[in-house]
Amino acid sequence: MAKLSIGDLVKIKEESKRKMNLRDGEFKAKITVHMGTCGIAAGARPIVDALLKEIEKKNIKDVLVTTSGCAGLCSREPMATVEMKGLAPVKYVELTDTKILRILTEHALAGKVVKEYALAVGSEKTSL
C-alpha cells in the first residue's frame, strides 16, 4: 500500500470537511448527538443507535449524524443539536430513543421544531 503524503492528508481532510458542511454538501440537516462522558452515562449511545437504525431503515440520504463532546449542560443530557441550512441550530435535551426519532421526522425531515423537547434556538457560534 502506498504511503500517504502530507498533501494527501490535507486533501482528505478538506474533502471530509466539505461533505460535513451543510452549505456545500448534499445534506439538508445535521444532527449532532453530544457524547461526552456525561452524555454517554445518561444514555446517548442508544439514542445514536436508534437514529442510525431509523435512517438506514428509511434509506434517508440527506440527514447527517455526527457526535461531539460535552455540550456543557450535564444535568440535561442526553442532548442533541439539529442544524438546518439557513436556520439557527436547535438544542434538544433529556432525550430518549423515541424522542430523537420524533425529532428526526418532524424537525430534520419536515423542518418543524419539536418545541417540547427544545432547550434553545441559536448559539454563540454555528458552523452554518
Protein backbone atom coordinates (compact mmCIF):
# COMPACT_ATOMS: atom_id res chain seq x y z
CA MET A 1 0.00 0.00 0.00
CA ALA A 2 1.34 3.42 -0.96
CA LYS A 3 2.21 5.83 1.82
CA LEU A 4 0.14 8.99 2.14
CA SER A 5 1.87 12.33 1.88
CA ILE A 6 1.00 15.41 3.92
CA GLY A 7 -0.66 16.79 0.81
CA ASP A 8 -2.81 13.65 0.52
CA LEU A 9 -3.89 14.02 4.15
CA VAL A 10 -4.77 17.68 3.63
CA LYS A 11 -6.91 16.75 0.60
CA ILE A 12 -8.68 14.04 2.58
CA LYS A 13 -9.31 16.47 5.45
CA GLU A 14 -10.71 19.16 3.14
CA GLU A 15 -12.96 16.68 1.33
CA SER A 16 -14.30 15.40 4.66
CA LYS A 17 -14.95 18.95 5.87
CA ARG A 18 -16.73 19.76 2.62
CA LYS A 19 -19.00 16.74 2.98
CA MET A 20 -19.78 17.64 6.59
CA ASN A 21 -20.65 21.22 5.70
CA LEU A 22 -24.36 21.69 5.14
CA ARG A 23 -23.89 24.64 2.81
CA ASP A 24 -21.73 22.72 0.36
CA GLY A 25 -22.79 19.13 0.94
CA GLU A 26 -25.85 17.22 -0.08
CA PHE A 27 -27.32 17.22 3.43
CA LYS A 28 -30.29 19.35 4.40
CA ALA A 29 -29.90 18.68 8.13
CA LYS A 30 -27.22 17.69 10.60
CA ILE A 31 -27.97 16.05 13.94
CA THR A 32 -25.16 16.16 16.47
CA VAL A 33 -25.56 13.89 19.48
CA HIS A 34 -23.47 15.12 22.40
CA MET A 35 -21.36 12.18 23.60
CA GLY A 36 -19.20 13.46 26.43
CA THR A 37 -18.87 11.12 29.38
CA CYS A 38 -21.95 12.72 30.93
CA GLY A 39 -23.96 12.15 27.74
CA ILE A 40 -22.84 8.55 27.46
CA ALA A 41 -23.67 7.92 31.12
CA ALA A 42 -27.11 9.46 30.59
CA GLY A 43 -27.88 7.23 27.59
CA ALA A 44 -26.58 8.92 24.45
CA ARG A 45 -25.37 5.67 22.84
CA PRO A 46 -28.86 4.15 22.47
CA ILE A 47 -30.02 7.46 21.01
CA VAL A 48 -27.32 7.38 18.32
CA ASP A 49 -28.10 3.71 17.64
CA ALA A 50 -31.83 4.39 17.26
CA LEU A 51 -31.14 7.34 14.99
CA LEU A 52 -28.77 5.42 12.73
CA LYS A 53 -31.10 2.40 12.53
CA GLU A 54 -34.05 4.61 11.55
CA ILE A 55 -32.00 6.44 8.91
CA GLU A 56 -30.87 3.13 7.45
CA LYS A 57 -34.35 1.58 7.65
CA LYS A 58 -35.95 4.53 5.85
CA ASN A 59 -32.98 5.00 3.49
CA ILE A 60 -32.63 8.67 4.46
CA LYS A 61 -29.75 10.20 2.50
CA ASP A 62 -29.97 13.90 3.31
CA VAL A 63 -29.54 13.89 7.11
CA LEU A 64 -26.03 13.78 8.53
CA VAL A 65 -25.49 12.31 12.01
CA THR A 66 -22.41 13.32 13.97
CA THR A 67 -21.25 13.23 17.55
CA SER A 68 -19.45 15.70 19.75
CA GLY A 69 -18.15 16.00 23.26
CA CYS A 70 -19.92 17.55 26.21
CA ALA A 71 -22.25 20.46 25.47
CA GLY A 72 -21.83 21.84 28.99
CA LEU A 73 -25.24 21.01 30.45
CA CYS A 74 -24.59 17.64 32.05
CA SER A 75 -27.83 17.67 34.04
CA ARG A 76 -29.85 17.91 30.80
CA GLU A 77 -28.18 15.01 28.97
CA PRO A 78 -28.69 13.18 26.69
CA MET A 79 -28.68 16.09 24.27
CA ALA A 80 -28.60 16.66 20.52
CA THR A 81 -28.38 19.70 18.26
CA VAL A 82 -30.18 19.93 14.92
CA GLU A 83 -28.82 22.27 12.27
CA MET A 84 -30.56 23.02 9.01
CA LYS A 85 -29.47 25.16 6.09
CA GLY A 86 -30.11 28.83 6.73
CA LEU A 87 -31.67 28.32 10.18
CA ALA A 88 -30.40 28.69 13.72
CA PRO A 89 -29.40 25.44 15.43
CA VAL A 90 -31.81 23.92 17.96
CA LYS A 91 -30.54 22.15 21.09
CA TYR A 92 -32.72 19.33 22.40
CA VAL A 93 -32.39 17.96 25.94
CA GLU A 94 -33.33 14.96 28.11
CA LEU A 95 -33.71 12.74 25.06
CA THR A 96 -34.80 9.15 24.66
CA ASP A 97 -34.71 6.98 21.56
CA THR A 98 -38.41 7.73 21.00
CA LYS A 99 -37.86 11.50 21.28
CA ILE A 100 -34.91 11.52 18.87
CA LEU A 101 -36.94 9.64 16.24
CA ARG A 102 -39.68 12.26 16.53
CA ILE A 103 -37.04 15.00 16.18
CA LEU A 104 -35.66 13.24 13.08
CA THR A 105 -39.10 13.00 11.49
CA GLU A 106 -40.56 16.36 12.43
CA HIS A 107 -37.51 18.63 12.56
CA ALA A 108 -34.72 17.20 10.41
CA LEU A 109 -37.02 15.90 7.67
CA ALA A 110 -40.05 18.22 7.86
CA GLY A 111 -38.45 21.41 9.23
CA LYS A 112 -40.73 21.81 12.27
CA VAL A 113 -39.03 22.33 15.66
CA VAL A 114 -40.27 19.94 18.34
CA LYS A 115 -40.77 22.65 20.97
CA GLU A 116 -41.50 20.43 23.96
CA TYR A 117 -38.01 18.86 23.76
CA ALA A 118 -36.11 22.00 22.76
CA LEU A 119 -33.98 23.92 25.23
CA ALA A 120 -32.71 26.72 23.00
CA VAL A 121 -32.59 28.04 19.46
CA GLY A 122 -29.37 29.56 18.20
CA SER A 123 -25.86 29.56 19.58
CA GLU A 124 -22.93 31.89 20.01
CA LYS A 125 -21.23 30.22 17.02
CA THR A 126 -22.62 27.95 14.33
CA SER A 127 -20.95 26.04 11.55
CA LEU A 128 -23.57 27.16 9.02
